[in-house]
Amino acid sequence: GFATQGLANHIAKWGQKYKDKGVAIAYDSRNMSEEFAKTTAL
């Protein structure tokens, strides 16, 4: 959560255009990968 909020704040500095471009998220089979991916997305 801390890392994602930091990334979000960084992207916000680039402006609305870059927030609209978006972020793609993938995950592998490791324990908690899917949960962390959804946490990140939200």
PDB file of all heavy atoms in Angstrom:
ATOM      1  N   GLY A   1       0.805  -1.215   0.000  1.00  0.00           N
ATOM      2  CA  GLY A   1       0.000   0.000   0.000  1.00  0.00           C
ATOM      3  C   GLY A   1       0.838   1.264   0.000  1.00  0.00           C
ATOM      4  O   GLY A   1       0.558   2.212  -0.755  1.00  0.00           O
ATOM      5  N   PHE A   2       1.872   1.303   0.831  1.00  0.00           N
ATOM      6  CA  PHE A   2       2.762   2.465   0.853  1.00  0.00           C
ATOM      7  C   PHE A   2       3.415   2.665  -0.519  1.00  0.00           C
ATOM      8  O   PHE A   2       3.488   3.789  -1.029  1.00  0.00           O
ATOM      9  CB  PHE A   2       3.843   2.291   1.925  1.00  0.00           C
ATOM     10  CG  PHE A   2       3.403   2.667   3.308  1.00  0.00           C
ATOM     11  CD1 PHE A   2       3.089   1.685   4.241  1.00  0.00           C
ATOM     12  CD2 PHE A   2       3.299   3.994   3.694  1.00  0.00           C
ATOM     13  CE1 PHE A   2       2.673   2.024   5.518  1.00  0.00           C
ATOM     14  CE2 PHE A   2       2.888   4.344   4.969  1.00  0.00           C
ATOM     15  CZ  PHE A   2       2.576   3.359   5.897  1.00  0.00           C
ATOM     16  N   ALA A   3       3.903   1.557  -1.110  1.00  0.00           N
ATOM     17  CA  ALA A   3       4.568   1.656  -2.410  1.00  0.00           C
ATOM     18  C   ALA A   3       3.603   2.157  -3.480  1.00  0.00           C
ATOM     19  O   ALA A   3       3.956   3.006  -4.309  1.00  0.00           O
ATOM     20  CB  ALA A   3       5.138   0.296  -2.805  1.00  0.00           C
ATOM     21  N   THR A   4       2.377   1.643  -3.458  1.00  0.00           N
ATOM     22  CA  THR A   4       1.401   2.020  -4.482  1.00  0.00           C
ATOM     23  C   THR A   4       0.967   3.469  -4.332  1.00  0.00           C
ATOM     24  O   THR A   4       0.826   4.193  -5.325  1.00  0.00           O
ATOM     25  CB  THR A   4       0.177   1.089  -4.427  1.00  0.00           C
ATOM     26  OG1 THR A   4       0.614  -0.265  -4.533  1.00  0.00           O
ATOM     27  CG2 THR A   4      -0.770   1.390  -5.565  1.00  0.00           C
ATOM     28  N   GLN A   5       0.761   3.909  -3.094  1.00  0.00           N
ATOM     29  CA  GLN A   5       0.387   5.308  -2.890  1.00  0.00           C
ATOM     30  C   GLN A   5       1.529   6.223  -3.336  1.00  0.00           C
ATOM     31  O   GLN A   5       1.297   7.282  -3.929  1.00  0.00           O
ATOM     32  CB  GLN A   5       0.053   5.561  -1.421  1.00  0.00           C
ATOM     33  CG  GLN A   5      -0.510   6.961  -1.150  1.00  0.00           C
ATOM     34  CD  GLN A   5      -1.806   7.213  -1.890  1.00  0.00           C
ATOM     35  OE1 GLN A   5      -2.751   6.450  -1.777  1.00  0.00           O
ATOM     36  NE2 GLN A   5      -1.846   8.296  -2.663  1.00  0.00           N
ATOM     37  N   GLY A   6       2.770   5.813  -3.078  1.00  0.00           N
ATOM     38  CA  GLY A   6       3.913   6.592  -3.545  1.00  0.00           C
ATOM     39  C   GLY A   6       3.953   6.671  -5.061  1.00  0.00           C
ATOM     40  O   GLY A   6       4.213   7.735  -5.649  1.00  0.00           O
ATOM     41  N   LEU A   7       3.689   5.541  -5.726  1.00  0.00           N
ATOM     42  CA  LEU A   7       3.643   5.525  -7.195  1.00  0.00           C
ATOM     43  C   LEU A   7       2.514   6.420  -7.695  1.00  0.00           C
ATOM     44  O   LEU A   7       2.684   7.180  -8.661  1.00  0.00           O
ATOM     45  CB  LEU A   7       3.453   4.094  -7.695  1.00  0.00           C
ATOM     46  CG  LEU A   7       3.239   3.933  -9.205  1.00  0.00           C
ATOM     47  CD1 LEU A   7       4.446   4.424  -9.985  1.00  0.00           C
ATOM     48  CD2 LEU A   7       2.936   2.471  -9.545  1.00  0.00           C
ATOM     49  N   ALA A   8       1.351   6.325  -7.050  1.00  0.00           N
ATOM     50  CA  ALA A   8       0.205   7.153  -7.447  1.00  0.00           C
ATOM     51  C   ALA A   8       0.528   8.642  -7.323  1.00  0.00           C
ATOM     52  O   ALA A   8       0.194   9.447  -8.210  1.00  0.00           O
ATOM     53  CB  ALA A   8      -1.015   6.796  -6.598  1.00  0.00           C
ATOM     54  N   ASN A   9       1.181   9.017  -6.229  1.00  0.00           N
ATOM     55  CA  ASN A   9       1.557  10.418  -6.039  1.00  0.00           C
ATOM     56  C   ASN A   9       2.542  10.873  -7.111  1.00  0.00           C
ATOM     57  O   ASN A   9       2.491  12.011  -7.584  1.00  0.00           O
ATOM     58  CB  ASN A   9       2.163  10.621  -4.649  1.00  0.00           C
ATOM     59  CG  ASN A   9       1.144  10.425  -3.538  1.00  0.00           C
ATOM     60  OD1 ASN A   9      -0.062  10.376  -3.784  1.00  0.00           O
ATOM     61  ND2 ASN A   9       1.621  10.288  -2.314  1.00  0.00           N
ATOM     62  N   HIS A  10       3.443   9.961  -7.492  1.00  0.00           N
ATOM     63  CA  HIS A  10       4.422  10.266  -8.540  1.00  0.00           C
ATOM     64  C   HIS A  10       3.720  10.479  -9.883  1.00  0.00           C
ATOM     65  O   HIS A  10       4.010  11.448 -10.606  1.00  0.00           O
ATOM     66  CB  HIS A  10       5.435   9.128  -8.633  1.00  0.00           C
ATOM     67  CG  HIS A  10       6.472   9.318  -9.700  1.00  0.00           C
ATOM     68  ND1 HIS A  10       7.469  10.254  -9.613  1.00  0.00           N
ATOM     69  CD2 HIS A  10       6.658   8.664 -10.884  1.00  0.00           C
ATOM     70  CE1 HIS A  10       8.236  10.193 -10.697  1.00  0.00           C
ATOM     71  NE2 HIS A  10       7.760   9.237 -11.476  1.00  0.00           N
ATOM     72  N   ILE A  11       2.792   9.599 -10.214  1.00  0.00           N
ATOM     73  CA  ILE A  11       2.061   9.719 -11.478  1.00  0.00           C
ATOM     74  C   ILE A  11       1.228  11.004 -11.492  1.00  0.00           C
ATOM     75  O   ILE A  11       1.152  11.700 -12.522  1.00  0.00           O
ATOM     76  CB  ILE A  11       1.163   8.484 -11.704  1.00  0.00           C
ATOM     77  CG1 ILE A  11       2.034   7.244 -11.953  1.00  0.00           C
ATOM     78  CG2 ILE A  11       0.209   8.700 -12.880  1.00  0.00           C
ATOM     79  CD1 ILE A  11       1.257   5.939 -12.011  1.00  0.00           C
ATOM     80  N   ALA A  12       0.618  11.339 -10.357  1.00  0.00           N
ATOM     81  CA  ALA A  12      -0.214  12.540 -10.274  1.00  0.00           C
ATOM     82  C   ALA A  12       0.576  13.793 -10.617  1.00  0.00           C
ATOM     83  O   ALA A  12       0.029  14.760 -11.179  1.00  0.00           O
ATOM     84  CB  ALA A  12      -0.822  12.662  -8.875  1.00  0.00           C
ATOM     85  N   LYS A  13       1.860  13.797 -10.308  1.00  0.00           N
ATOM     86  CA  LYS A  13       2.700  14.957 -10.613  1.00  0.00           C
ATOM     87  C   LYS A  13       2.843  15.174 -12.119  1.00  0.00           C
ATOM     88  O   LYS A  13       3.147  16.279 -12.568  1.00  0.00           O
ATOM     89  CB  LYS A  13       4.082  14.786  -9.979  1.00  0.00           C
ATOM     90  CG  LYS A  13       4.098  14.988  -8.476  1.00  0.00           C
ATOM     91  CD  LYS A  13       5.516  14.950  -7.927  1.00  0.00           C
ATOM     92  CE  LYS A  13       5.548  15.306  -6.449  1.00  0.00           C
ATOM     93  NZ  LYS A  13       6.940  15.295  -5.911  1.00  0.00           N
ATOM     94  N   TRP A  14       2.633  14.112 -12.896  1.00  0.00           N
ATOM     95  CA  TRP A  14       2.726  14.228 -14.349  1.00  0.00           C
ATOM     96  C   TRP A  14       1.462  14.837 -14.940  1.00  0.00           C
ATOM     97  O   TRP A  14       1.450  15.211 -16.115  1.00  0.00           O
ATOM     98  CB  TRP A  14       2.983  12.857 -14.962  1.00  0.00           C
ATOM     99  CG  TRP A  14       4.345  12.319 -14.698  1.00  0.00           C
ATOM    100  CD1 TRP A  14       4.853  11.913 -13.494  1.00  0.00           C
ATOM    101  CD2 TRP A  14       5.392  12.115 -15.644  1.00  0.00           C
ATOM    102  NE1 TRP A  14       6.148  11.469 -13.632  1.00  0.00           N
ATOM    103  CE2 TRP A  14       6.500  11.579 -14.951  1.00  0.00           C
ATOM    104  CE3 TRP A  14       5.507  12.327 -17.013  1.00  0.00           C
ATOM    105  CZ2 TRP A  14       7.709  11.257 -15.575  1.00  0.00           C
ATOM    106  CZ3 TRP A  14       6.702  11.998 -17.649  1.00  0.00           C
ATOM    107  CH2 TRP A  14       7.785  11.484 -16.931  1.00  0.00           C
ATOM    108  N   GLY A  15       0.376  14.879 -14.161  1.00  0.00           N
ATOM    109  CA  GLY A  15      -0.844  15.509 -14.632  1.00  0.00           C
ATOM    110  C   GLY A  15      -1.945  14.524 -14.995  1.00  0.00           C
ATOM    111  O   GLY A  15      -1.733  13.312 -15.057  1.00  0.00           O
ATOM    112  N   GLN A  16      -3.126  15.053 -15.258  1.00  0.00           N
ATOM    113  CA  GLN A  16      -4.299  14.241 -15.541  1.00  0.00           C
ATOM    114  C   GLN A  16      -4.113  13.355 -16.766  1.00  0.00           C
ATOM    115  O   GLN A  16      -4.600  12.216 -16.808  1.00  0.00           O
ATOM    116  CB  GLN A  16      -5.520  15.142 -15.738  1.00  0.00           C
ATOM    117  CG  GLN A  16      -6.834  14.390 -15.839  1.00  0.00           C
ATOM    118  CD  GLN A  16      -7.168  13.610 -14.574  1.00  0.00           C
ATOM    119  OE1 GLN A  16      -6.980  14.127 -13.460  1.00  0.00           O
ATOM    120  NE2 GLN A  16      -7.629  12.379 -14.723  1.00  0.00           N
ATOM    121  N   LYS A  17      -3.413  13.831 -17.762  1.00  0.00           N
ATOM    122  CA  LYS A  17      -3.197  13.061 -18.983  1.00  0.00           C
ATOM    123  C   LYS A  17      -2.566  11.716 -18.678  1.00  0.00           C
ATOM    124  O   LYS A  17      -2.937  10.681 -19.252  1.00  0.00           O
ATOM    125  CB  LYS A  17      -2.307  13.852 -19.947  1.00  0.00           C
ATOM    126  CG  LYS A  17      -1.932  13.109 -21.219  1.00  0.00           C
ATOM    127  CD  LYS A  17      -0.997  13.953 -22.088  1.00  0.00           C
ATOM    128  CE  LYS A  17      -0.551  13.177 -23.312  1.00  0.00           C
ATOM    129  NZ  LYS A  17       0.389  13.970 -24.156  1.00  0.00           N
ATOM    130  N   TYR A  18      -1.632  11.711 -17.749  1.00  0.00           N
ATOM    131  CA  TYR A  18      -0.921  10.477 -17.425  1.00  0.00           C
ATOM    132  C   TYR A  18      -1.731   9.590 -16.484  1.00  0.00           C
ATOM    133  O   TYR A  18      -1.619   8.358 -16.542  1.00  0.00           O
ATOM    134  CB  TYR A  18       0.456  10.805 -16.849  1.00  0.00           C
ATOM    135  CG  TYR A  18       1.354  11.424 -17.898  1.00  0.00           C
ATOM    136  CD1 TYR A  18       1.450  12.801 -18.029  1.00  0.00           C
ATOM    137  CD2 TYR A  18       2.049  10.624 -18.792  1.00  0.00           C
ATOM    138  CE1 TYR A  18       2.243  13.371 -19.018  1.00  0.00           C
ATOM    139  CE2 TYR A  18       2.837  11.183 -19.778  1.00  0.00           C
ATOM    140  CZ  TYR A  18       2.935  12.562 -19.891  1.00  0.00           C
ATOM    141  OH  TYR A  18       3.700  13.111 -20.884  1.00  0.00           O
ATOM    142  N   LYS A  19      -2.567  10.194 -15.659  1.00  0.00           N
ATOM    143  CA  LYS A  19      -3.486   9.389 -14.845  1.00  0.00           C
ATOM    144  C   LYS A  19      -4.483   8.667 -15.744  1.00  0.00           C
ATOM    145  O   LYS A  19      -4.858   7.514 -15.499  1.00  0.00           O
ATOM    146  CB  LYS A  19      -4.212  10.281 -13.844  1.00  0.00           C
ATOM    147  CG  LYS A  19      -3.291  10.868 -12.772  1.00  0.00           C
ATOM    148  CD  LYS A  19      -3.986  11.911 -11.920  1.00  0.00           C
ATOM    149  CE  LYS A  19      -4.994  11.309 -10.983  1.00  0.00           C
ATOM    150  NZ  LYS A  19      -5.553  12.310 -10.036  1.00  0.00           N
ATOM    151  N   ASP A  20      -4.882   9.332 -16.823  1.00  0.00           N
ATOM    152  CA  ASP A  20      -5.821   8.725 -17.763  1.00  0.00           C
ATOM    153  C   ASP A  20      -5.178   7.627 -18.604  1.00  0.00           C
ATOM    154  O   ASP A  20      -5.864   6.701 -19.042  1.00  0.00           O
ATOM    155  CB  ASP A  20      -6.405   9.792 -18.686  1.00  0.00           C
ATOM    156  CG  ASP A  20      -7.327  10.760 -17.953  1.00  0.00           C
ATOM    157  OD1 ASP A  20      -7.779  10.412 -16.841  1.00  0.00           O
ATOM    158  OD2 ASP A  20      -7.578  11.853 -18.495  1.00  0.00           O
ATOM    159  N   LYS A  21      -3.870   7.738 -18.843  1.00  0.00           N
ATOM    160  CA  LYS A  21      -3.178   6.673 -19.583  1.00  0.00           C
ATOM    161  C   LYS A  21      -3.268   5.351 -18.839  1.00  0.00           C
ATOM    162  O   LYS A  21      -3.414   4.294 -19.446  1.00  0.00           O
ATOM    163  CB  LYS A  21      -1.699   7.049 -19.799  1.00  0.00           C
ATOM    164  CG  LYS A  21      -1.443   8.040 -20.909  1.00  0.00           C
ATOM    165  CD  LYS A  21       0.032   8.340 -21.003  1.00  0.00           C
ATOM    166  CE  LYS A  21       0.344   9.237 -22.195  1.00  0.00           C
ATOM    167  NZ  LYS A  21       0.170   8.518 -23.477  1.00  0.00           N
ATOM    168  N   GLY A  22      -3.156   5.418 -17.538  1.00  0.00           N
ATOM    169  CA  GLY A  22      -3.394   4.248 -16.712  1.00  0.00           C
ATOM    170  C   GLY A  22      -2.187   3.388 -16.413  1.00  0.00           C
ATOM    171  O   GLY A  22      -1.081   3.610 -16.911  1.00  0.00           O
ATOM    172  N   VAL A  23      -2.442   2.387 -15.588  1.00  0.00           N
ATOM    173  CA  VAL A  23      -1.425   1.436 -15.131  1.00  0.00           C
ATOM    174  C   VAL A  23      -1.953   0.025 -15.364  1.00  0.00           C
ATOM    175  O   VAL A  23      -3.101  -0.287 -15.024  1.00  0.00           O
ATOM    176  CB  VAL A  23      -1.116   1.632 -13.628  1.00  0.00           C
ATOM    177  CG1 VAL A  23      -0.111   0.593 -13.142  1.00  0.00           C
ATOM    178  CG2 VAL A  23      -0.600   3.044 -13.370  1.00  0.00           C
ATOM    179  N   ALA A  24      -1.132  -0.835 -15.960  1.00  0.00           N
ATOM    180  CA  ALA A  24      -1.488  -2.244 -16.152  1.00  0.00           C
ATOM    181  C   ALA A  24      -0.893  -3.069 -15.010  1.00  0.00           C
ATOM    182  O   ALA A  24       0.233  -2.809 -14.573  1.00  0.00           O
ATOM    183  CB  ALA A  24      -0.971  -2.744 -17.496  1.00  0.00           C
ATOM    184  N   ILE A  25      -1.645  -4.060 -14.541  1.00  0.00           N
ATOM    185  CA  ILE A  25      -1.205  -4.875 -13.404  1.00  0.00           C
ATOM    186  C   ILE A  25      -1.358  -6.357 -13.737  1.00  0.00           C
ATOM    187  O   ILE A  25      -2.416  -6.797 -14.185  1.00  0.00           O
ATOM    188  CB  ILE A  25      -2.021  -4.563 -12.136  1.00  0.00           C
ATOM    189  CG1 ILE A  25      -1.928  -3.076 -11.788  1.00  0.00           C
ATOM    190  CG2 ILE A  25      -1.536  -5.409 -10.959  1.00  0.00           C
ATOM    191  CD1 ILE A  25      -2.848  -2.662 -10.651  1.00  0.00           C
ATOM    192  N   ALA A  26      -0.296  -7.117 -13.507  1.00  0.00           N
ATOM    193  CA  ALA A  26      -0.323  -8.573 -13.656  1.00  0.00           C
ATOM    194  C   ALA A  26       0.199  -9.207 -12.378  1.00  0.00           C
ATOM    195  O   ALA A  26       0.817  -8.539 -11.543  1.00  0.00           O
ATOM    196  CB  ALA A  26       0.521  -9.007 -14.854  1.00  0.00           C
ATOM    197  N   TYR A  27      -0.025 -10.500 -12.256  1.00  0.00           N
ATOM    198  CA  TYR A  27       0.475 -11.211 -11.081  1.00  0.00           C
ATOM    199  C   TYR A  27       0.715 -12.667 -11.444  1.00  0.00           C
ATOM    200  O   TYR A  27       0.148 -13.193 -12.392  1.00  0.00           O
ATOM    201  CB  TYR A  27      -0.509 -11.102  -9.907  1.00  0.00           C
ATOM    202  CG  TYR A  27      -1.897 -11.624 -10.188  1.00  0.00           C
ATOM    203  CD1 TYR A  27      -2.247 -12.951  -9.912  1.00  0.00           C
ATOM    204  CD2 TYR A  27      -2.882 -10.800 -10.728  1.00  0.00           C
ATOM    205  CE1 TYR A  27      -3.525 -13.434 -10.158  1.00  0.00           C
ATOM    206  CE2 TYR A  27      -4.163 -11.275 -10.979  1.00  0.00           C
ATOM    207  CZ  TYR A  27      -4.478 -12.588 -10.701  1.00  0.00           C
ATOM    208  OH  TYR A  27      -5.729 -13.075 -10.947  1.00  0.00           O
ATOM    209  N   ASP A  28       1.598 -13.305 -10.672  1.00  0.00           N
ATOM    210  CA  ASP A  28       1.924 -14.707 -10.934  1.00  0.00           C
ATOM    211  C   ASP A  28       1.265 -15.598  -9.881  1.00  0.00           C
ATOM    212  O   ASP A  28       0.310 -15.205  -9.213  1.00  0.00           O
ATOM    213  CB  ASP A  28       3.435 -14.917 -11.027  1.00  0.00           C
ATOM    214  CG  ASP A  28       4.161 -14.750  -9.696  1.00  0.00           C
ATOM    215  OD1 ASP A  28       3.495 -14.497  -8.659  1.00  0.00           O
ATOM    216  OD2 ASP A  28       5.393 -14.885  -9.672  1.00  0.00           O
ATOM    217  N   SER A  29       1.798 -16.804  -9.708  1.00  0.00           N
ATOM    218  CA  SER A  29       1.160 -17.819  -8.866  1.00  0.00           C
ATOM    219  C   SER A  29       1.596 -17.789  -7.413  1.00  0.00           C
ATOM    220  O   SER A  29       1.159 -18.616  -6.613  1.00  0.00           O
ATOM    221  CB  SER A  29       1.473 -19.209  -9.438  1.00  0.00           C
ATOM    222  OG  SER A  29       2.886 -19.428  -9.457  1.00  0.00           O
ATOM    223  N   ARG A  30       2.436 -16.860  -7.031  1.00  0.00           N
ATOM    224  CA  ARG A  30       2.944 -16.848  -5.657  1.00  0.00           C
ATOM    225  C   ARG A  30       1.835 -16.571  -4.640  1.00  0.00           C
ATOM    226  O   ARG A  30       0.817 -15.955  -4.953  1.00  0.00           O
ATOM    227  CB  ARG A  30       4.049 -15.795  -5.513  1.00  0.00           C
ATOM    228  CG  ARG A  30       5.347 -16.257  -6.108  1.00  0.00           C
ATOM    229  CD  ARG A  30       6.479 -15.281  -5.890  1.00  0.00           C
ATOM    230  NE  ARG A  30       7.700 -15.889  -6.430  1.00  0.00           N
ATOM    231  CZ  ARG A  30       8.515 -16.665  -5.751  1.00  0.00           C
ATOM    232  NH1 ARG A  30       8.261 -16.914  -4.472  1.00  0.00           N
ATOM    233  NH2 ARG A  30       9.575 -17.204  -6.309  1.00  0.00           N
ATOM    234  N   ASN A  31       2.104 -17.023  -3.426  1.00  0.00           N
ATOM    235  CA  ASN A  31       1.159 -16.763  -2.339  1.00  0.00           C
ATOM    236  C   ASN A  31       0.962 -15.258  -2.173  1.00  0.00           C
ATOM    237  O   ASN A  31       1.931 -14.501  -2.116  1.00  0.00           O
ATOM    238  CB  ASN A  31       1.664 -17.376  -1.035  1.00  0.00           C
ATOM    239  CG  ASN A  31       1.727 -18.892  -1.093  1.00  0.00           C
ATOM    240  OD1 ASN A  31       0.906 -19.528  -1.752  1.00  0.00           O
ATOM    241  ND2 ASN A  31       2.698 -19.481  -0.413  1.00  0.00           N
ATOM    242  N   MET A  32      -0.274 -14.838  -2.113  1.00  0.00           N
ATOM    243  CA  MET A  32      -0.699 -13.451  -1.926  1.00  0.00           C
ATOM    244  C   MET A  32      -0.566 -12.594  -3.186  1.00  0.00           C
ATOM    245  O   MET A  32      -0.897 -11.399  -3.145  1.00  0.00           O
ATOM    246  CB  MET A  32       0.075 -12.778  -0.774  1.00  0.00           C
ATOM    247  CG  MET A  32      -0.096 -13.445   0.581  1.00  0.00           C
ATOM    248  SD  MET A  32      -1.841 -13.485   1.129  1.00  0.00           S
ATOM    249  CE  MET A  32      -2.193 -11.750   1.341  1.00  0.00           C
ATOM    250  N   SER A  33      -0.135 -13.168  -4.312  1.00  0.00           N
ATOM    251  CA  SER A  33       0.039 -12.342  -5.513  1.00  0.00           C
ATOM    252  C   SER A  33      -1.279 -11.727  -5.973  1.00  0.00           C
ATOM    253  O   SER A  33      -1.346 -10.533  -6.277  1.00  0.00           O
ATOM    254  CB  SER A  33       0.653 -13.165  -6.651  1.00  0.00           C
ATOM    255  OG  SER A  33       2.034 -13.334  -6.477  1.00  0.00           O
ATOM    256  N   GLU A  34      -2.325 -12.534  -6.046  1.00  0.00           N
ATOM    257  CA  GLU A  34      -3.608 -12.006  -6.510  1.00  0.00           C
ATOM    258  C   GLU A  34      -4.137 -10.947  -5.552  1.00  0.00           C
ATOM    259  O   GLU A  34      -4.653  -9.900  -5.980  1.00  0.00           O
ATOM    260  CB  GLU A  34      -4.619 -13.131  -6.676  1.00  0.00           C
ATOM    261  CG  GLU A  34      -5.948 -12.673  -7.253  1.00  0.00           C
ATOM    262  CD  GLU A  34      -6.912 -13.815  -7.541  1.00  0.00           C
ATOM    263  OE1 GLU A  34      -6.553 -14.993  -7.283  1.00  0.00           O
ATOM    264  OE2 GLU A  34      -8.019 -13.538  -8.034  1.00  0.00           O
ATOM    265  N   GLU A  35      -4.011 -11.200  -4.251  1.00  0.00           N
ATOM    266  CA  GLU A  35      -4.494 -10.240  -3.258  1.00  0.00           C
ATOM    267  C   GLU A  35      -3.734  -8.919  -3.352  1.00  0.00           C
ATOM    268  O   GLU A  35      -4.336  -7.840  -3.293  1.00  0.00           O
ATOM    269  CB  GLU A  35      -4.357 -10.824  -1.843  1.00  0.00           C
ATOM    270  CG  GLU A  35      -5.281 -12.007  -1.561  1.00  0.00           C
ATOM    271  CD  GLU A  35      -4.676 -13.352  -1.970  1.00  0.00           C
ATOM    272  OE1 GLU A  35      -3.728 -13.367  -2.798  1.00  0.00           O
ATOM    273  OE2 GLU A  35      -5.166 -14.374  -1.472  1.00  0.00           O
ATOM    274  N   PHE A  36      -2.410  -9.005  -3.495  1.00  0.00           N
ATOM    275  CA  PHE A  36      -1.611  -7.781  -3.609  1.00  0.00           C
ATOM    276  C   PHE A  36      -1.957  -7.029  -4.894  1.00  0.00           C
ATOM    277  O   PHE A  36      -1.956  -5.789  -4.916  1.00  0.00           O
ATOM    278  CB  PHE A  36      -0.122  -8.113  -3.582  1.00  0.00           C
ATOM    279  CG  PHE A  36       0.397  -8.607  -2.255  1.00  0.00           C
ATOM    280  CD1 PHE A  36       1.617  -9.283  -2.180  1.00  0.00           C
ATOM    281  CD2 PHE A  36      -0.300  -8.396  -1.086  1.00  0.00           C
ATOM    282  CE1 PHE A  36       2.104  -9.739  -0.968  1.00  0.00           C
ATOM    283  CE2 PHE A  36       0.174  -8.848   0.147  1.00  0.00           C
ATOM    284  CZ  PHE A  36       1.386  -9.521   0.198  1.00  0.00           C
ATOM    285  N   ALA A  37      -2.225  -7.766  -5.961  1.00  0.00           N
ATOM    286  CA  ALA A  37      -2.570  -7.126  -7.236  1.00  0.00           C
ATOM    287  C   ALA A  37      -3.865  -6.337  -7.100  1.00  0.00           C
ATOM    288  O   ALA A  37      -3.975  -5.192  -7.579  1.00  0.00           O
ATOM    289  CB  ALA A  37      -2.694  -8.172  -8.339  1.00  0.00           C
ATOM    290  N   LYS A  38      -4.846  -6.925  -6.442  1.00  0.00           N
ATOM    291  CA  LYS A  38      -6.132  -6.227  -6.283  1.00  0.00           C
ATOM    292  C   LYS A  38      -5.980  -5.043  -5.335  1.00  0.00           C
ATOM    293  O   LYS A  38      -6.563  -3.969  -5.566  1.00  0.00           O
ATOM    294  CB  LYS A  38      -7.204  -7.181  -5.780  1.00  0.00           C
ATOM    295  CG  LYS A  38      -8.590  -6.540  -5.697  1.00  0.00           C
ATOM    296  CD  LYS A  38      -9.697  -7.562  -5.554  1.00  0.00           C
ATOM    297  CE  LYS A  38      -9.967  -8.266  -6.864  1.00  0.00           C
ATOM    298  NZ  LYS A  38     -11.191  -9.125  -6.815  1.00  0.00           N
ATOM    299  N   THR A  39      -5.220  -5.214  -4.265  1.00  0.00           N
ATOM    300  CA  THR A  39      -4.942  -4.093  -3.358  1.00  0.00           C
ATOM    301  C   THR A  39      -4.327  -2.932  -4.120  1.00  0.00           C
ATOM    302  O   THR A  39      -4.734  -1.773  -3.968  1.00  0.00           O
ATOM    303  CB  THR A  39      -3.997  -4.541  -2.223  1.00  0.00           C
ATOM    304  OG1 THR A  39      -4.643  -5.518  -1.413  1.00  0.00           O
ATOM    305  CG2 THR A  39      -3.581  -3.358  -1.353  1.00  0.00           C
ATOM    306  N   THR A  40      -3.344  -3.250  -4.945  1.00  0.00           N
ATOM    307  CA  THR A  40      -2.659  -2.242  -5.754  1.00  0.00           C
ATOM    308  C   THR A  40      -3.634  -1.533  -6.683  1.00  0.00           C
ATOM    309  O   THR A  40      -3.647  -0.294  -6.785  1.00  0.00           O
ATOM    310  CB  THR A  40      -1.541  -2.910  -6.571  1.00  0.00           C
ATOM    311  OG1 THR A  40      -0.583  -3.491  -5.679  1.00  0.00           O
ATOM    312  CG2 THR A  40      -0.836  -1.904  -7.466  1.00  0.00           C
ATOM    313  N   ALA A  41      -4.462  -2.313  -7.362  1.00  0.00           N
ATOM    314  CA  ALA A  41      -5.406  -1.746  -8.322  1.00  0.00           C
ATOM    315  C   ALA A  41      -6.369  -0.772  -7.651  1.00  0.00           C
ATOM    316  O   ALA A  41      -6.637   0.331  -8.161  1.00  0.00           O
ATOM    317  CB  ALA A  41      -6.180  -2.867  -9.014  1.00  0.00           C
ATOM    318  N   LEU A  42      -6.893  -1.152  -6.491  1.00  0.00           N
ATOM    319  CA  LEU A  42      -7.901  -0.315  -5.832  1.00  0.00           C
ATOM    320  C   LEU A  42      -7.295   0.964  -5.262  1.00  0.00           C
ATOM    321  O   LEU A  42      -7.954   2.011  -5.220  1.00  0.00           O
ATOM    322  CB  LEU A  42      -8.617  -1.118  -4.752  1.00  0.00           C
ATOM    323  CG  LEU A  42      -9.470  -2.285  -5.285  1.00  0.00           C
ATOM    324  CD1 LEU A  42     -10.100  -3.065  -4.140  1.00  0.00           C
ATOM    325  CD2 LEU A  42     -10.533  -1.787  -6.257  1.00  0.00           C
TER     326      LEU A  42
END
